[in-house]
Each structure stands twice: as C-alpha cells, then as structure tokens.
C-alpha atoms as a PDB file:
ATOM      1  CA  MET A   1      15.197  22.686   5.086  1.00  0.00           C
ATOM      2  CA  THR A   2      18.709  21.534   4.179  1.00  0.00           C
ATOM      3  CA  ARG A   3      19.561  17.857   3.894  1.00  0.00           C
ATOM      4  CA  SER A   4      21.568  17.992   7.124  1.00  0.00           C
ATOM      5  CA  GLY A   5      18.609  19.686   8.784  1.00  0.00           C
ATOM      6  CA  LYS A   6      16.261  16.953   7.580  1.00  0.00           C
ATOM      7  CA  LEU A   7      18.572  14.248   8.868  1.00  0.00           C
ATOM      8  CA  LEU A   8      18.774  15.931  12.279  1.00  0.00           C
ATOM      9  CA  ALA A   9      15.005  16.451  12.483  1.00  0.00           C
ATOM     10  CA  SER A  10      14.320  12.818  11.545  1.00  0.00           C
ATOM     11  CA  ALA A  11      16.882  11.575  14.049  1.00  0.00           C
ATOM     12  CA  ARG A  12      15.216  13.598  16.797  1.00  0.00           C
ATOM     13  CA  LEU A  13      11.780  12.284  15.841  1.00  0.00           C
ATOM     14  CA  MET A  14      13.121   8.721  15.831  1.00  0.00           C
ATOM     15  CA  GLU A  15      14.759   9.269  19.212  1.00  0.00           C
ATOM     16  CA  GLN A  16      11.449  10.493  20.635  1.00  0.00           C
ATOM     17  CA  ASN A  17       9.725   7.369  19.290  1.00  0.00           C
ATOM     18  CA  LYS A  18      12.523   4.799  19.574  1.00  0.00           C
ATOM     19  CA  ALA A  19      10.284   2.414  21.534  1.00  0.00           C
ATOM     20  CA  LEU A  20       8.390   1.778  18.282  1.00  0.00           C
ATOM     21  CA  PHE A  21      11.424   0.322  16.518  1.00  0.00           C
ATOM     22  CA  ARG A  22      13.054  -3.108  16.677  1.00  0.00           C
ATOM     23  CA  CYS A  23      15.917  -4.588  14.732  1.00  0.00           C
ATOM     24  CA  PRO A  24      14.700  -6.512  11.665  1.00  0.00           C
ATOM     25  CA  ILE A  25      17.657  -8.897  12.009  1.00  0.00           C
ATOM     26  CA  CYS A  26      17.745  -9.888  15.696  1.00  0.00           C
ATOM     27  CA  ARG A  27      14.486  -8.267  16.871  1.00  0.00           C
ATOM     28  CA  ASP A  28      16.146  -6.410  19.737  1.00  0.00           C
ATOM     29  CA  ALA A  29      15.402  -2.789  20.584  1.00  0.00           C
ATOM     30  CA  LEU A  30      16.910   0.005  18.505  1.00  0.00           C
ATOM     31  CA  GLY A  31      18.237   3.374  19.594  1.00  0.00           C
ATOM     32  CA  VAL A  32      19.556   6.439  17.763  1.00  0.00           C
ATOM     33  CA  ASP A  33      23.349   6.541  17.704  1.00  0.00           C
ATOM     34  CA  GLU A  34      25.220   9.836  17.194  1.00  0.00           C
ATOM     35  CA  VAL A  35      22.206  11.388  15.430  1.00  0.00           C
ATOM     36  CA  LYS A  36      22.948   9.396  12.300  1.00  0.00           C
ATOM     37  CA  SER A  37      22.019   5.739  12.766  1.00  0.00           C
ATOM     38  CA  LEU A  38      19.619   3.304  14.360  1.00  0.00           C
ATOM     39  CA  LEU A  39      21.684   0.796  16.338  1.00  0.00           C
ATOM     40  CA  CYS A  40      20.744  -2.314  18.317  1.00  0.00           C
ATOM     41  CA  VAL A  41      22.657  -3.907  21.207  1.00  0.00           C
ATOM     42  CA  ASN A  42      23.994  -6.591  18.855  1.00  0.00           C
ATOM     43  CA  GLY A  43      25.641  -4.003  16.622  1.00  0.00           C
ATOM     44  CA  HIS A  44      23.235  -4.043  13.707  1.00  0.00           C
ATOM     45  CA  ARG A  45      23.312  -0.513  12.316  1.00  0.00           C
ATOM     46  CA  PHE A  46      20.947   1.268   9.916  1.00  0.00           C
ATOM     47  CA  ASP A  47      22.139   4.666   8.745  1.00  0.00           C
ATOM     48  CA  LEU A  48      19.841   7.633   8.220  1.00  0.00           C
ATOM     49  CA  ALA A  49      20.026   9.079   4.721  1.00  0.00           C
ATOM     50  CA  LYS A  50      20.510  12.805   4.237  1.00  0.00           C
ATOM     51  CA  GLN A  51      16.936  13.057   2.920  1.00  0.00           C
ATOM     52  CA  GLY A  52      15.707  11.970   6.358  1.00  0.00           C
ATOM     53  CA  TYR A  53      14.733   8.328   5.899  1.00  0.00           C
ATOM     54  CA  VAL A  54      16.296   5.062   7.070  1.00  0.00           C
ATOM     55  CA  ASN A  55      16.903   1.971   4.945  1.00  0.00           C
ATOM     56  CA  MET A  56      16.141  -1.144   7.013  1.00  0.00           C
ATOM     57  CA  LEU A  57      16.123  -3.775   4.282  1.00  0.00           C
ATOM     58  CA  THR A  58      18.188  -6.809   5.206  1.00  0.00           C
ATOM     59  CA  ASN A  59      18.509  -7.879   1.575  1.00  0.00           C
ATOM     60  CA  PRO A  60      18.520  -5.859  -1.670  1.00  0.00           C
ATOM     61  CA  SER A  61      15.146  -5.751  -3.375  1.00  0.00           C
ATOM     62  CA  ARG A  62      13.993  -5.198  -6.936  1.00  0.00           C
ATOM     63  CA  THR A  63      10.535  -3.847  -7.703  1.00  0.00           C
ATOM     64  CA  LYS A  64       8.639  -2.709 -10.787  1.00  0.00           C
ATOM     65  CA  TYR A  65       8.131   0.666  -9.150  1.00  0.00           C
ATOM     66  CA  ASP A  66      10.631   3.192 -10.498  1.00  0.00           C
ATOM     67  CA  LYS A  67      11.189   6.894  -9.921  1.00  0.00           C
ATOM     68  CA  ARG A  68       9.147   7.909 -12.965  1.00  0.00           C
ATOM     69  CA  MET A  69       6.164   5.905 -11.727  1.00  0.00           C
ATOM     70  CA  PHE A  70       6.337   7.524  -8.300  1.00  0.00           C
ATOM     71  CA  GLU A  71       6.606  10.972  -9.851  1.00  0.00           C
ATOM     72  CA  ALA A  72       3.497  10.194 -11.912  1.00  0.00           C
ATOM     73  CA  ARG A  73       1.669   9.019  -8.799  1.00  0.00           C
ATOM     74  CA  LYS A  74       2.616  12.204  -6.976  1.00  0.00           C
ATOM     75  CA  MET A  75       1.245  14.311  -9.832  1.00  0.00           C
ATOM     76  CA  ILE A  76      -2.005  12.334  -9.725  1.00  0.00           C
ATOM     77  CA  ASN A  77      -2.269  12.939  -5.996  1.00  0.00           C
ATOM     78  CA  GLN A  78      -1.703  16.651  -6.563  1.00  0.00           C
ATOM     79  CA  ALA A  79      -4.601  16.548  -9.050  1.00  0.00           C
ATOM     80  CA  SER A  80      -6.821  15.441  -6.108  1.00  0.00           C
ATOM     81  CA  PHE A  81      -7.485  12.092  -7.749  1.00  0.00           C
ATOM     82  CA  PHE A  82      -7.627  10.360  -4.347  1.00  0.00           C
ATOM     83  CA  GLU A  83      -9.028  13.289  -2.332  1.00  0.00           C
ATOM     84  CA  PRO A  84     -12.549  11.877  -1.684  1.00  0.00           C
ATOM     85  CA  LEU A  85     -10.992   8.590  -0.574  1.00  0.00           C
ATOM     86  CA  LEU A  86      -8.535  10.327   1.759  1.00  0.00           C
ATOM     87  CA  VAL A  87     -11.302  12.465   3.255  1.00  0.00           C
ATOM     88  CA  ARG A  88     -13.364   9.370   4.017  1.00  0.00           C
ATOM     89  CA  LEU A  89     -10.394   7.495   5.495  1.00  0.00           C
ATOM     90  CA  SER A  90      -9.552  10.425   7.746  1.00  0.00           C
ATOM     91  CA  GLU A  91     -13.152  10.455   8.997  1.00  0.00           C
ATOM     92  CA  ILE A  92     -13.057   6.728   9.755  1.00  0.00           C
ATOM     93  CA  ILE A  93      -9.760   7.025  11.633  1.00  0.00           C
ATOM     94  CA  SER A  94     -10.820  10.114  13.578  1.00  0.00           C
ATOM     95  CA  GLU A  95     -14.197   8.721  14.619  1.00  0.00           C
ATOM     96  CA  ARG A  96     -12.611   5.554  15.937  1.00  0.00           C
ATOM     97  CA  GLN A  97      -9.719   7.238  17.723  1.00  0.00           C
ATOM     98  CA  GLU A  98     -11.988   9.833  19.301  1.00  0.00           C
ATOM     99  CA  SER A  99     -14.061   7.059  20.835  1.00  0.00           C
ATOM    100  CA  MET A 100     -10.890   5.358  22.146  1.00  0.00           C
ATOM    101  CA  GLY A 101      -9.583   8.549  23.757  1.00  0.00           C
ATOM    102  CA  ASN A 102      -5.899   8.005  22.885  1.00  0.00           C
ATOM    103  CA  ASP A 103      -3.620  10.936  23.697  1.00  0.00           C
ATOM    104  CA  LYS A 104      -1.401   9.993  20.788  1.00  0.00           C
ATOM    105  CA  VAL A 105      -2.361   8.208  17.574  1.00  0.00           C
ATOM    106  CA  VAL A 106       0.318   6.282  15.667  1.00  0.00           C
ATOM    107  CA  LEU A 107      -0.420   5.432  12.032  1.00  0.00           C
ATOM    108  CA  LEU A 108       1.470   2.996   9.816  1.00  0.00           C
ATOM    109  CA  ASP A 109       1.128   3.247   6.044  1.00  0.00           C
ATOM    110  CA  ALA A 110       2.197  -0.196   4.848  1.00  0.00           C
ATOM    111  CA  GLY A 111       3.175   0.359   1.222  1.00  0.00           C
ATOM    112  CA  CYS A 112       3.454   4.140   1.412  1.00  0.00           C
ATOM    113  CA  GLY A 113       5.012   4.660  -2.031  1.00  0.00           C
ATOM    114  CA  GLU A 114       6.015   8.297  -2.441  1.00  0.00           C
ATOM    115  CA  GLY A 115       4.181   9.272   0.729  1.00  0.00           C
ATOM    116  CA  SER A 116       1.313  11.425  -0.550  1.00  0.00           C
ATOM    117  CA  HIS A 117      -1.440   9.382   1.099  1.00  0.00           C
ATOM    118  CA  LEU A 118       0.142   9.328   4.555  1.00  0.00           C
ATOM    119  CA  SER A 119       1.095  13.001   4.402  1.00  0.00           C
ATOM    120  CA  ALA A 120      -2.471  13.988   3.549  1.00  0.00           C
ATOM    121  CA  LEU A 121      -4.053  11.635   6.086  1.00  0.00           C
ATOM    122  CA  ARG A 122      -1.860  12.734   8.973  1.00  0.00           C
ATOM    123  CA  GLU A 123      -2.742  16.348   8.247  1.00  0.00           C
ATOM    124  CA  LYS A 124      -6.474  15.606   7.961  1.00  0.00           C
ATOM    125  CA  VAL A 125      -6.635  13.420  11.070  1.00  0.00           C
ATOM    126  CA  SER A 126      -4.633  15.967  13.071  1.00  0.00           C
ATOM    127  CA  SER A 127      -7.143  18.658  12.141  1.00  0.00           C
ATOM    128  CA  LEU A 128     -10.072  16.467  13.250  1.00  0.00           C
ATOM    129  CA  LEU A 129      -8.568  15.270  16.535  1.00  0.00           C
ATOM    130  CA  GLU A 130      -7.008  17.024  19.491  1.00  0.00           C
ATOM    131  CA  SER A 131      -4.565  14.125  19.836  1.00  0.00           C
ATOM    132  CA  ASP A 132      -0.974  14.125  18.637  1.00  0.00           C
ATOM    133  CA  VAL A 133      -0.680  12.108  15.404  1.00  0.00           C
ATOM    134  CA  LEU A 134       2.501  10.365  14.276  1.00  0.00           C
ATOM    135  CA  GLY A 135       2.716   8.798  10.829  1.00  0.00           C
ATOM    136  CA  ILE A 136       5.238   6.158   9.788  1.00  0.00           C
ATOM    137  CA  GLY A 137       5.492   5.089   6.170  1.00  0.00           C
ATOM    138  CA  ILE A 138       7.260   1.986   4.912  1.00  0.00           C
ATOM    139  CA  ASP A 139       7.843   0.712   1.408  1.00  0.00           C
ATOM    140  CA  ILE A 140      10.222  -1.762  -0.155  1.00  0.00           C
ATOM    141  CA  SER A 141      11.052   0.781  -2.880  1.00  0.00           C
ATOM    142  CA  LYS A 142      13.928   3.099  -2.010  1.00  0.00           C
ATOM    143  CA  GLU A 143      12.899   5.510  -4.799  1.00  0.00           C
ATOM    144  CA  GLY A 144       9.445   6.013  -3.314  1.00  0.00           C
ATOM    145  CA  VAL A 145      10.657   6.489   0.257  1.00  0.00           C
ATOM    146  CA  GLN A 146      13.353   8.937  -0.870  1.00  0.00           C
ATOM    147  CA  MET A 147      10.677  11.063  -2.484  1.00  0.00           C
ATOM    148  CA  ALA A 148       8.434  10.845   0.574  1.00  0.00           C
ATOM    149  CA  ALA A 149      11.202  11.962   2.938  1.00  0.00           C
ATOM    150  CA  ARG A 150      12.275  14.733   0.572  1.00  0.00           C
ATOM    151  CA  ASP A 151       8.811  16.273   0.560  1.00  0.00           C
ATOM    152  CA  ASP A 152       7.620  15.594   4.128  1.00  0.00           C
ATOM    153  CA  GLY A 153       9.666  15.816   7.302  1.00  0.00           C
ATOM    154  CA  SER A 154       6.732  15.551   9.704  1.00  0.00           C
ATOM    155  CA  ASN A 155       6.411  11.763   9.332  1.00  0.00           C
ATOM    156  CA  LEU A 156       8.978   8.979   9.669  1.00  0.00           C
ATOM    157  CA  TRP A 157       9.935   7.059   6.528  1.00  0.00           C
ATOM    158  CA  CYS A 158      11.594   3.647   6.226  1.00  0.00           C
ATOM    159  CA  VAL A 159      12.663   1.421   3.374  1.00  0.00           C
ATOM    160  CA  ALA A 160      11.597  -1.945   4.769  1.00  0.00           C
ATOM    161  CA  ASP A 161      10.237  -5.366   3.917  1.00  0.00           C
ATOM    162  CA  LEU A 162       6.604  -5.869   4.934  1.00  0.00           C
ATOM    163  CA  ALA A 163       7.490  -9.437   5.927  1.00  0.00           C
ATOM    164  CA  LYS A 164      10.161  -8.164   8.355  1.00  0.00           C
ATOM    165  CA  CYS A 165       8.698  -4.927   9.701  1.00  0.00           C
ATOM    166  CA  PRO A 166      11.271  -3.130  11.894  1.00  0.00           C
ATOM    167  CA  PHE A 167       8.765  -2.237  14.600  1.00  0.00           C
ATOM    168  CA  ALA A 168       7.894  -3.524  18.048  1.00  0.00           C
ATOM    169  CA  ASP A 169       4.755  -5.508  18.854  1.00  0.00           C
ATOM    170  CA  GLN A 170       1.520  -3.529  19.261  1.00  0.00           C
ATOM    171  CA  SER A 171       3.078  -0.252  18.099  1.00  0.00           C
ATOM    172  CA  PHE A 172       0.246   1.087  15.932  1.00  0.00           C
ATOM    173  CA  HIS A 173      -3.314   2.227  16.534  1.00  0.00           C
ATOM    174  CA  VAL A 174      -4.083   2.176  12.808  1.00  0.00           C
ATOM    175  CA  ILE A 175      -2.479   0.325   9.911  1.00  0.00           C
ATOM    176  CA  LEU A 176      -3.303   1.639   6.435  1.00  0.00           C
ATOM    177  CA  ASN A 177      -2.920  -0.651   3.447  1.00  0.00           C
ATOM    178  CA  ILE A 178      -4.004   1.313   0.382  1.00  0.00           C
ATOM    179  CA  LEU A 179      -3.939  -0.440  -3.004  1.00  0.00           C
ATOM    180  CA  SER A 180      -0.951  -2.424  -1.802  1.00  0.00           C
ATOM    181  CA  PRO A 181      -0.049  -6.027  -0.865  1.00  0.00           C
ATOM    182  CA  SER A 182      -0.714  -7.201   2.705  1.00  0.00           C
ATOM    183  CA  ASN A 183       1.062  -9.265   5.320  1.00  0.00           C
ATOM    184  CA  TYR A 184      -1.657 -10.129   7.813  1.00  0.00           C
ATOM    185  CA  ALA A 185       0.621 -11.944  10.250  1.00  0.00           C
ATOM    186  CA  GLU A 186       2.746  -8.820  10.639  1.00  0.00           C
ATOM    187  CA  PHE A 187      -0.321  -6.579  10.775  1.00  0.00           C
ATOM    188  CA  GLU A 188      -1.678  -8.641  13.669  1.00  0.00           C
ATOM    189  CA  ARG A 189       1.636  -8.383  15.509  1.00  0.00           C
ATOM    190  CA  LEU A 190       1.979  -4.654  14.983  1.00  0.00           C
ATOM    191  CA  LEU A 191      -1.557  -3.535  15.868  1.00  0.00           C
ATOM    192  CA  THR A 192      -2.627  -2.656  19.387  1.00  0.00           C
ATOM    193  CA  ASP A 193      -5.369  -4.893  20.750  1.00  0.00           C
ATOM    194  CA  ASP A 194      -7.987  -2.233  19.982  1.00  0.00           C
ATOM    195  CA  GLY A 195      -6.306  -1.083  16.760  1.00  0.00           C
ATOM    196  CA  LEU A 196      -7.783  -0.887  13.283  1.00  0.00           C
ATOM    197  CA  LEU A 197      -6.597  -2.329   9.993  1.00  0.00           C
ATOM    198  CA  ILE A 198      -7.917  -0.310   7.049  1.00  0.00           C
ATOM    199  CA  LYS A 199      -7.377  -1.904   3.660  1.00  0.00           C
ATOM    200  CA  VAL A 200      -8.417  -0.230   0.412  1.00  0.00           C
ATOM    201  CA  VAL A 201      -8.823  -2.338  -2.720  1.00  0.00           C
ATOM    202  CA  PRO A 202     -10.160  -1.521  -6.187  1.00  0.00           C
ATOM    203  CA  ASP A 203     -13.774  -2.406  -6.899  1.00  0.00           C
ATOM    204  CA  SER A 204     -15.176  -3.524 -10.246  1.00  0.00           C
ATOM    205  CA  GLU A 205     -15.434  -0.115 -11.936  1.00  0.00           C
ATOM    206  CA  TYR A 206     -12.062   1.280 -10.872  1.00  0.00           C
ATOM    207  CA  LEU A 207     -10.405   2.860 -13.936  1.00  0.00           C
ATOM    208  CA  LYS A 208     -12.926   1.076 -16.160  1.00  0.00           C
ATOM    209  CA  GLU A 209     -12.245   3.514 -19.011  1.00  0.00           C
ATOM    210  CA  LEU A 210      -8.580   2.502 -19.092  1.00  0.00           C
ATOM    211  CA  ARG A 211      -9.336  -1.170 -18.596  1.00  0.00           C
ATOM    212  CA  SER A 212     -11.728  -1.261 -21.564  1.00  0.00           C
ATOM    213  CA  LEU A 213      -9.112   0.277 -23.865  1.00  0.00           C
ATOM    214  CA  LEU A 214      -6.087  -1.651 -22.626  1.00  0.00           C
ATOM    215  CA  TYR A 215      -7.773  -5.037 -22.446  1.00  0.00           C
ATOM    216  CA  THR A 216     -10.085  -5.174 -25.454  1.00  0.00           C
ATOM    217  CA  GLU A 217     -11.607  -8.648 -25.761  1.00  0.00           C
ATOM    218  CA  SER A 218      -9.604  -9.811 -22.759  1.00  0.00           C
ATOM    219  CA  GLU A 219     -10.750 -11.442 -19.529  1.00  0.00           C
ATOM    220  CA  ARG A 220      -8.912  -8.667 -17.678  1.00  0.00           C
ATOM    221  CA  GLN A 221     -11.660  -6.252 -18.716  1.00  0.00           C
ATOM    222  CA  ALA A 222     -13.573  -7.625 -15.734  1.00  0.00           C
ATOM    223  CA  TYR A 223     -12.156  -7.272 -12.232  1.00  0.00           C
ATOM    224  CA  SER A 224     -13.192  -9.000  -9.031  1.00  0.00           C
ATOM    225  CA  ASN A 225     -11.839  -8.443  -5.518  1.00  0.00           C
ATOM    226  CA  GLU A 226     -13.658 -11.437  -3.990  1.00  0.00           C
ATOM    227  CA  GLN A 227     -10.482 -13.381  -3.185  1.00  0.00           C
ATOM    228  CA  THR A 228      -8.874 -10.340  -1.561  1.00  0.00           C
ATOM    229  CA  VAL A 229     -11.933  -9.712   0.611  1.00  0.00           C
ATOM    230  CA  GLU A 230     -12.136 -13.377   1.617  1.00  0.00           C
ATOM    231  CA  LEU A 231      -8.478 -13.428   2.658  1.00  0.00           C
ATOM    232  CA  PHE A 232      -9.049 -10.310   4.761  1.00  0.00           C
ATOM    233  CA  LYS A 233     -11.975 -12.013   6.513  1.00  0.00           C
ATOM    234  CA  GLN A 234      -9.911 -15.114   7.188  1.00  0.00           C
ATOM    235  CA  SER A 235      -7.193 -13.061   8.861  1.00  0.00           C
ATOM    236  CA  PHE A 236      -9.080 -10.265  10.625  1.00  0.00           C
ATOM    237  CA  GLU A 237     -12.545  -9.672  12.022  1.00  0.00           C
ATOM    238  CA  LEU A 238     -14.345  -7.533   9.444  1.00  0.00           C
ATOM    239  CA  LEU A 239     -16.058  -4.718  11.344  1.00  0.00           C
ATOM    240  CA  HIS A 240     -17.329  -2.801   8.353  1.00  0.00           C
ATOM    241  CA  GLN A 241     -16.924  -2.443   4.625  1.00  0.00           C
ATOM    242  CA  GLU A 242     -18.095   0.309   2.331  1.00  0.00           C
ATOM    243  CA  ARG A 243     -17.857   1.177  -1.317  1.00  0.00           C
ATOM    244  CA  LEU A 244     -16.799   4.628  -2.482  1.00  0.00           C
ATOM    245  CA  GLN A 245     -17.421   5.691  -6.083  1.00  0.00           C
ATOM    246  CA  TYR A 246     -16.773   9.012  -7.795  1.00  0.00           C
ATOM    247  CA  LYS A 247     -15.552  10.524 -11.070  1.00  0.00           C
ATOM    248  CA  VAL A 248     -12.411  12.571 -11.594  1.00  0.00           C
ATOM    249  CA  HIS A 249     -11.825  15.032 -14.431  1.00  0.00           C
ATOM    250  CA  LEU A 250      -8.268  14.982 -15.774  1.00  0.00           C
ATOM    251  CA  ASP A 251      -6.518  17.100 -18.370  1.00  0.00           C
ATOM    252  CA  PRO A 252      -4.326  15.365 -21.016  1.00  0.00           C
ATOM    253  CA  VAL A 253      -1.137  15.739 -18.988  1.00  0.00           C
ATOM    254  CA  GLN A 254      -2.776  14.325 -15.865  1.00  0.00           C
ATOM    255  CA  LEU A 255      -4.220  11.452 -17.889  1.00  0.00           C
ATOM    256  CA  GLU A 256      -0.749  10.563 -19.127  1.00  0.00           C
ATOM    257  CA  HIS A 257       0.488  10.472 -15.525  1.00  0.00           C
ATOM    258  CA  LEU A 258      -2.411   8.208 -14.578  1.00  0.00           C
ATOM    259  CA  VAL A 259      -1.720   5.801 -17.446  1.00  0.00           C
ATOM    260  CA  TYR A 260       1.929   5.542 -16.464  1.00  0.00           C
ATOM    261  CA  MET A 261       1.094   5.211 -12.748  1.00  0.00           C
ATOM    262  CA  THR A 262      -1.375   2.338 -12.886  1.00  0.00           C
ATOM    263  CA  PRO A 263      -0.220  -1.309 -13.035  1.00  0.00           C
ATOM    264  CA  LEU A 264      -2.975  -1.782 -15.627  1.00  0.00           C
ATOM    265  CA  SER A 265      -0.632  -0.303 -18.234  1.00  0.00           C
ATOM    266  CA  TRP A 266       2.485  -2.283 -17.316  1.00  0.00           C
ATOM    267  CA  GLY A 267       1.754  -5.026 -19.817  1.00  0.00           C
ATOM    268  CA  ALA A 268       0.712  -2.603 -22.549  1.00  0.00           C
ATOM    269  CA  ASP A 269       2.945  -1.769 -25.498  1.00  0.00           C
ATOM    270  CA  GLU A 270       3.594   1.764 -26.718  1.00  0.00           C
ATOM    271  CA  GLN A 271       0.886   1.526 -29.376  1.00  0.00           C
ATOM    272  CA  GLN A 272      -1.759   0.617 -26.801  1.00  0.00           C
ATOM    273  CA  THR A 273      -0.655   3.458 -24.565  1.00  0.00           C
ATOM    274  CA  ARG A 274      -0.826   5.955 -27.440  1.00  0.00           C
ATOM    275  CA  GLN A 275      -4.283   4.667 -28.300  1.00  0.00           C
ATOM    276  CA  VAL A 276      -5.508   5.332 -24.761  1.00  0.00           C
ATOM    277  CA  LEU A 277      -4.087   8.850 -24.769  1.00  0.00           C
ATOM    278  CA  SER A 278      -5.532   9.581 -28.220  1.00  0.00           C
ATOM    279  CA  LYS A 279      -9.065   8.985 -26.912  1.00  0.00           C
ATOM    280  CA  HIS A 280      -8.833  12.236 -24.916  1.00  0.00           C
ATOM    281  CA  LEU A 281     -10.576  10.770 -21.912  1.00  0.00           C
ATOM    282  CA  ASN A 282     -11.445  13.549 -19.514  1.00  0.00           C
ATOM    283  CA  GLU A 283     -13.435  11.636 -16.919  1.00  0.00           C
ATOM    284  CA  ILE A 284     -12.140   8.590 -15.050  1.00  0.00           C
ATOM    285  CA  SER A 285     -14.064   6.302 -12.696  1.00  0.00           C
ATOM    286  CA  CYS A 286     -12.828   5.737  -9.168  1.00  0.00           C
ATOM    287  CA  ASP A 287     -14.307   2.771  -7.345  1.00  0.00           C
ATOM    288  CA  PHE A 288     -12.860   1.610  -4.023  1.00  0.00           C
ATOM    289  CA  LEU A 289     -13.840  -0.934  -1.398  1.00  0.00           C
ATOM    290  CA  ILE A 290     -12.784   0.059   2.125  1.00  0.00           C
ATOM    291  CA  LEU A 291     -12.333  -2.872   4.526  1.00  0.00           C
ATOM    292  CA  ILE A 292     -12.119  -2.112   8.252  1.00  0.00           C
ATOM    293  CA  GLY A 293     -11.007  -4.862  10.596  1.00  0.00           C
ATOM    294  CA  ARG A 294      -9.580  -5.669  13.980  1.00  0.00           C
ATOM    295  CA  LYS A 295      -7.687  -8.582  15.449  1.00  0.00           C
ATOM    296  CA  LYS A 296      -9.754 -11.689  16.105  1.00  0.00           C
END
C-alpha cells in the first residue's frame, strides 16, 4: 500500500471509531477533518502522517528508545522470542471476552513500541473470537510508532503521552501493558467497568544469562518485581496472576539484536557487550509474571 493509501485507510478507520478519541489538550471530542487530521471543536488539530499514524503529543519528548533499538526488537519478535507469551495473552483475552459476549473488542496497547505485540495479539484474538477486534497502540516514541504504522495498517497507532491519553472514558475492553511503565489513573479512566488490565513484568529469571554477564558481582544480578506487583494491587483488584517460563534458542545475529534491545545493556560499555556476544549463548531464559486486574 502506498503512503497516501495508508493515510486514507487510517483516516477511514479513525472516522469509524472517532467516539474513542478525545483531545489531549481540552478533552473535547475529536473528529476527522478532510481525511488528514483529527480536529476538536476548539480548533486543536493533530495531523495524520503519511505512514498512517497520528502524533498527539502536546509537548516534545525525548526517550532512550531509538530507531535501532526498535529495529532490534522487531527482529527479536520475528524470531518468536515472545511467541509463547503472546499465545497465552491471546487465550486470556479471548476467554474473558467470550464470557462477556461483546460484539466488538477494543484493545489498547499502552507502550506499544514498534507494534509487534499488538499486531500479533489482534490477529490471534480475532482468530479465537467471532467478535470484531480493534487494536490501538500508543507510545511516546515517534520512531516506534512510525515503524508500527509502516508495517501494520489494520490497527490504529498514536504517538501519545500515557499521562494524557487522547481517548474517551471507558473506551477499552482490554488494556495491555507489556514490559512498559504504567499510569493506573489513566488505565482506570479508560477501561470499561468490566474491562481487564493485563500487565506483564519480568520475573526473577528473565534474561538471567545476560544479567549474570553484564552485572558480575553487582546487586543488579538479582531482580525482584515485588514493588511493581504491590503497586498494581494498590491500584487495581488483582483477579489472577501467573508465571510463564520458557527457553528460546537464538543464533548469533539474533543474540546481538537481543543484547541491543534490552535495557539491561544500556549501562554496559562496548567491552562488556563484546564479552556477552563472545560467550556464544544459544539459549536464553524467558520468565514473565502476568498480572490480570479490574477496576476496584
């Protein structure tokens, strides 16, 4: 699809779902104007990019996440690194939505990055349910959202601040928050009364092979998610939690992508990185805690 075709398709999808959006500045409703912008009654305008996404940041933002990191993350996703996790999440979402009987399921991926997780989950959930499934991904990083929109025109993609989500109250049946920061006040506002918040956090053995090499004789060799879990419980009713562990085999090129992708390596110097890659690790531990909650 051409860039102009992507812009038109995204504009049509936004028009069909305009009730989900609200202006992040004045909080009034937004509509699609001339198939190229989201516009509120007070004149606040957010133009659609040719790639098919909309930038709704009210202030410029700087993040540590650059294009190279997102490209590495996409390669890791293509290596099925997260596949068992995504399969389990799609089962959780589908089982819950099937019991609720919604004709349409609207998913928000809060911290979508380059979009691989939401793209895969929408496809998996759609195949398990007879309901229509709409996915919306937001991230504060323009580079990640650009990549997501470039590769997937079936979801809606927004550059947005999690603290000022450009969506109306009770717009989402499911909010996904996968290895990403949370804003529980906004999550509570955005979820339907019977909606689910699904947060995925690392557990103690996540990437333990990399951690042991990058943090030799350091307190960061050990990882605990206790504070994260406690904060979740303070904000939402915890319905269920489960741990998912598995191993992934990676070739040297995939391992290099993983090392560059993970925040574990951000404080490492080039010598440490080379040392990790020289170990020729071919099996990496995945260890996730899945937290499932609803509004109190």
